[in-house]
C-alpha atoms as a PDB file:
ATOM      1  CA  MET A   1     134.413 -42.973  91.504  1.00  0.00           C
ATOM      2  CA  GLN A   2     135.287 -42.901  94.284  1.00  0.00           C
ATOM      3  CA  VAL A   3     138.621 -44.734  95.202  1.00  0.00           C
ATOM      4  CA  GLU A   4     138.416 -47.643  96.819  1.00  0.00           C
ATOM      5  CA  SER A   5     139.530 -47.329 100.792  1.00  0.00           C
ATOM      6  CA  GLU A   6     142.649 -50.456 100.446  1.00  0.00           C
ATOM      7  CA  THR A   7     144.299 -48.579  97.610  1.00  0.00           C
ATOM      8  CA  VAL A   8     144.047 -45.208  99.624  1.00  0.00           C
ATOM      9  CA  ALA A   9     145.824 -46.712 102.698  1.00  0.00           C
ATOM     10  CA  GLU A  10     148.525 -47.639 100.588  1.00  0.00           C
ATOM     11  CA  VAL A  11     148.369 -44.037  98.263  1.00  0.00           C
ATOM     12  CA  THR A  12     148.394 -42.365 101.492  1.00  0.00           C
ATOM     13  CA  LYS A  13     151.455 -43.908 102.774  1.00  0.00           C
ATOM     14  CA  ARG A  14     153.396 -43.521  99.309  1.00  0.00           C
ATOM     15  CA  LEU A  15     152.422 -40.075  98.937  1.00  0.00           C
ATOM     16  CA  ARG A  16     153.820 -39.549 103.133  1.00  0.00           C
ATOM     17  CA  ARG A  17     156.767 -41.228 102.152  1.00  0.00           C
ATOM     18  CA  ALA A  18     157.251 -38.427  99.039  1.00  0.00           C
ATOM     19  CA  GLU A  19     156.450 -35.793 101.598  1.00  0.00           C
ATOM     20  CA  GLY A  20     159.198 -36.657 103.041  1.00  0.00           C
ATOM     21  CA  GLN A  21     161.235 -36.922  99.629  1.00  0.00           C
ATOM     22  CA  ILE A  22     160.327 -33.221  99.903  1.00  0.00           C
ATOM     23  CA  ARG A  23     161.369 -31.677 102.875  1.00  0.00           C
ATOM     24  CA  GLY A  24     164.479 -33.675 102.549  1.00  0.00           C
ATOM     25  CA  VAL A  25     166.063 -32.742  99.325  1.00  0.00           C
ATOM     26  CA  ILE A  26     164.641 -28.683 100.607  1.00  0.00           C
ATOM     27  CA  ALA A  27     166.528 -29.202 103.090  1.00  0.00           C
ATOM     28  CA  MET A  28     169.395 -30.448 100.426  1.00  0.00           C
ATOM     29  CA  LEU A  29     169.161 -27.332  98.815  1.00  0.00           C
ATOM     30  CA  GLU A  30     169.141 -24.519 101.738  1.00  0.00           C
ATOM     31  CA  SER A  31     172.397 -26.882 103.110  1.00  0.00           C
ATOM     32  CA  GLY A  32     174.019 -26.292  99.314  1.00  0.00           C
ATOM     33  CA  ARG A  33     174.233 -30.153  98.930  1.00  0.00           C
ATOM     34  CA  ASP A  34     175.301 -30.769  95.468  1.00  0.00           C
ATOM     35  CA  CYS A  35     172.849 -30.076  92.155  1.00  0.00           C
ATOM     36  CA  ALA A  36     173.223 -34.333  90.912  1.00  0.00           C
ATOM     37  CA  GLU A  37     172.526 -35.302  94.577  1.00  0.00           C
ATOM     38  CA  VAL A  38     169.667 -33.128  94.437  1.00  0.00           C
ATOM     39  CA  VAL A  39     167.889 -33.975  90.977  1.00  0.00           C
ATOM     40  CA  THR A  40     168.535 -37.537  92.391  1.00  0.00           C
ATOM     41  CA  GLN A  41     166.290 -37.416  94.944  1.00  0.00           C
ATOM     42  CA  LEU A  42     164.117 -35.012  92.441  1.00  0.00           C
ATOM     43  CA  ALA A  43     163.660 -37.426  90.346  1.00  0.00           C
ATOM     44  CA  ALA A  44     163.147 -40.061  93.130  1.00  0.00           C
ATOM     45  CA  VAL A  45     160.539 -37.562  94.729  1.00  0.00           C
ATOM     46  CA  SER A  46     159.310 -37.662  90.457  1.00  0.00           C
ATOM     47  CA  ARG A  47     158.436 -41.858  90.438  1.00  0.00           C
ATOM     48  CA  ALA A  48     156.998 -41.973  93.949  1.00  0.00           C
ATOM     49  CA  LEU A  49     154.456 -39.885  92.888  1.00  0.00           C
ATOM     50  CA  ASP A  50     153.561 -41.117  88.844  1.00  0.00           C
ATOM     51  CA  ARG A  51     153.599 -44.709  91.423  1.00  0.00           C
ATOM     52  CA  ALA A  52     151.001 -42.594  93.469  1.00  0.00           C
ATOM     53  CA  GLY A  53     149.019 -41.584  90.647  1.00  0.00           C
ATOM     54  CA  TYR A  54     149.079 -45.327  88.514  1.00  0.00           C
ATOM     55  CA  LYS A  55     147.570 -46.505  91.805  1.00  0.00           C
ATOM     56  CA  VAL A  56     144.553 -44.633  91.650  1.00  0.00           C
ATOM     57  CA  ILE A  57     143.932 -45.276  88.470  1.00  0.00           C
ATOM     58  CA  ALA A  58     144.833 -48.412  88.850  1.00  0.00           C
ATOM     59  CA  SER A  59     141.363 -49.092  90.904  1.00  0.00           C
ATOM     60  CA  GLY A  60     139.866 -46.715  88.470  1.00  0.00           C
ATOM     61  CA  LEU A  61     139.910 -49.107  85.754  1.00  0.00           C
ATOM     62  CA  GLN A  62     139.370 -52.412  87.997  1.00  0.00           C
ATOM     63  CA  GLN A  63     136.125 -50.304  89.273  1.00  0.00           C
ATOM     64  CA  CYS A  64     135.401 -49.220  85.480  1.00  0.00           C
ATOM     65  CA  MET A  65     135.779 -53.259  84.504  1.00  0.00           C
ATOM     66  CA  ASP A  66     133.243 -54.433  87.322  1.00  0.00           C
ATOM     67  CA  SER A  67     130.572 -51.637  85.230  1.00  0.00           C
ATOM     68  CA  ASP A  68     127.189 -54.611  84.233  1.00  0.00           C
ATOM     69  CA  ASP A  69     126.994 -51.692  81.717  1.00  0.00           C
ATOM     70  CA  PRO A  70     128.909 -51.932  78.134  1.00  0.00           C
ATOM     71  CA  GLU A  71     128.338 -47.968  77.605  1.00  0.00           C
ATOM     72  CA  GLN A  72     129.299 -46.789  81.096  1.00  0.00           C
ATOM     73  CA  ARG A  73     132.743 -49.430  80.964  1.00  0.00           C
ATOM     74  CA  ALA A  74     133.311 -47.606  77.327  1.00  0.00           C
ATOM     75  CA  ALA A  75     132.608 -43.880  78.701  1.00  0.00           C
ATOM     76  CA  ASN A  76     134.788 -45.002  82.291  1.00  0.00           C
ATOM     77  CA  VAL A  77     137.977 -46.067  81.127  1.00  0.00           C
ATOM     78  CA  ALA A  78     138.216 -43.781  78.626  1.00  0.00           C
ATOM     79  CA  LYS A  79     137.971 -41.450  81.374  1.00  0.00           C
ATOM     80  CA  MET A  80     140.756 -43.552  82.700  1.00  0.00           C
ATOM     81  CA  GLU A  81     142.831 -43.345  79.913  1.00  0.00           C
ATOM     82  CA  LYS A  82     142.814 -39.705  79.551  1.00  0.00           C
ATOM     83  CA  LEU A  83     143.776 -39.395  83.589  1.00  0.00           C
ATOM     84  CA  PHE A  84     146.797 -41.812  82.620  1.00  0.00           C
ATOM     85  CA  LEU A  85     147.832 -40.404  79.398  1.00  0.00           C
ATOM     86  CA  SER A  86     148.048 -36.979  82.082  1.00  0.00           C
ATOM     87  CA  LEU A  87     150.713 -38.343  84.108  1.00  0.00           C
ATOM     88  CA  ALA A  88     152.690 -40.889  81.439  1.00  0.00           C
END
């Protein structure tokens, strides 16, 4: 199952933002910033990554529902559920 191009663009944007946040966390660590500030930023990065993953899964679920074959739809939904649970 392919990720739709619109979703790819949105998820890529989110991941690039998270990439910047990670660079910021590294800089915070290297400059000796307070532990609580570092952990707060790590939590923000984690949420951003989770949201990107959930967006990909939501797109996949939508594609699953579009299938005309009930058996294929059920197999796709099961696959997406497993992916969802891997992020939870």
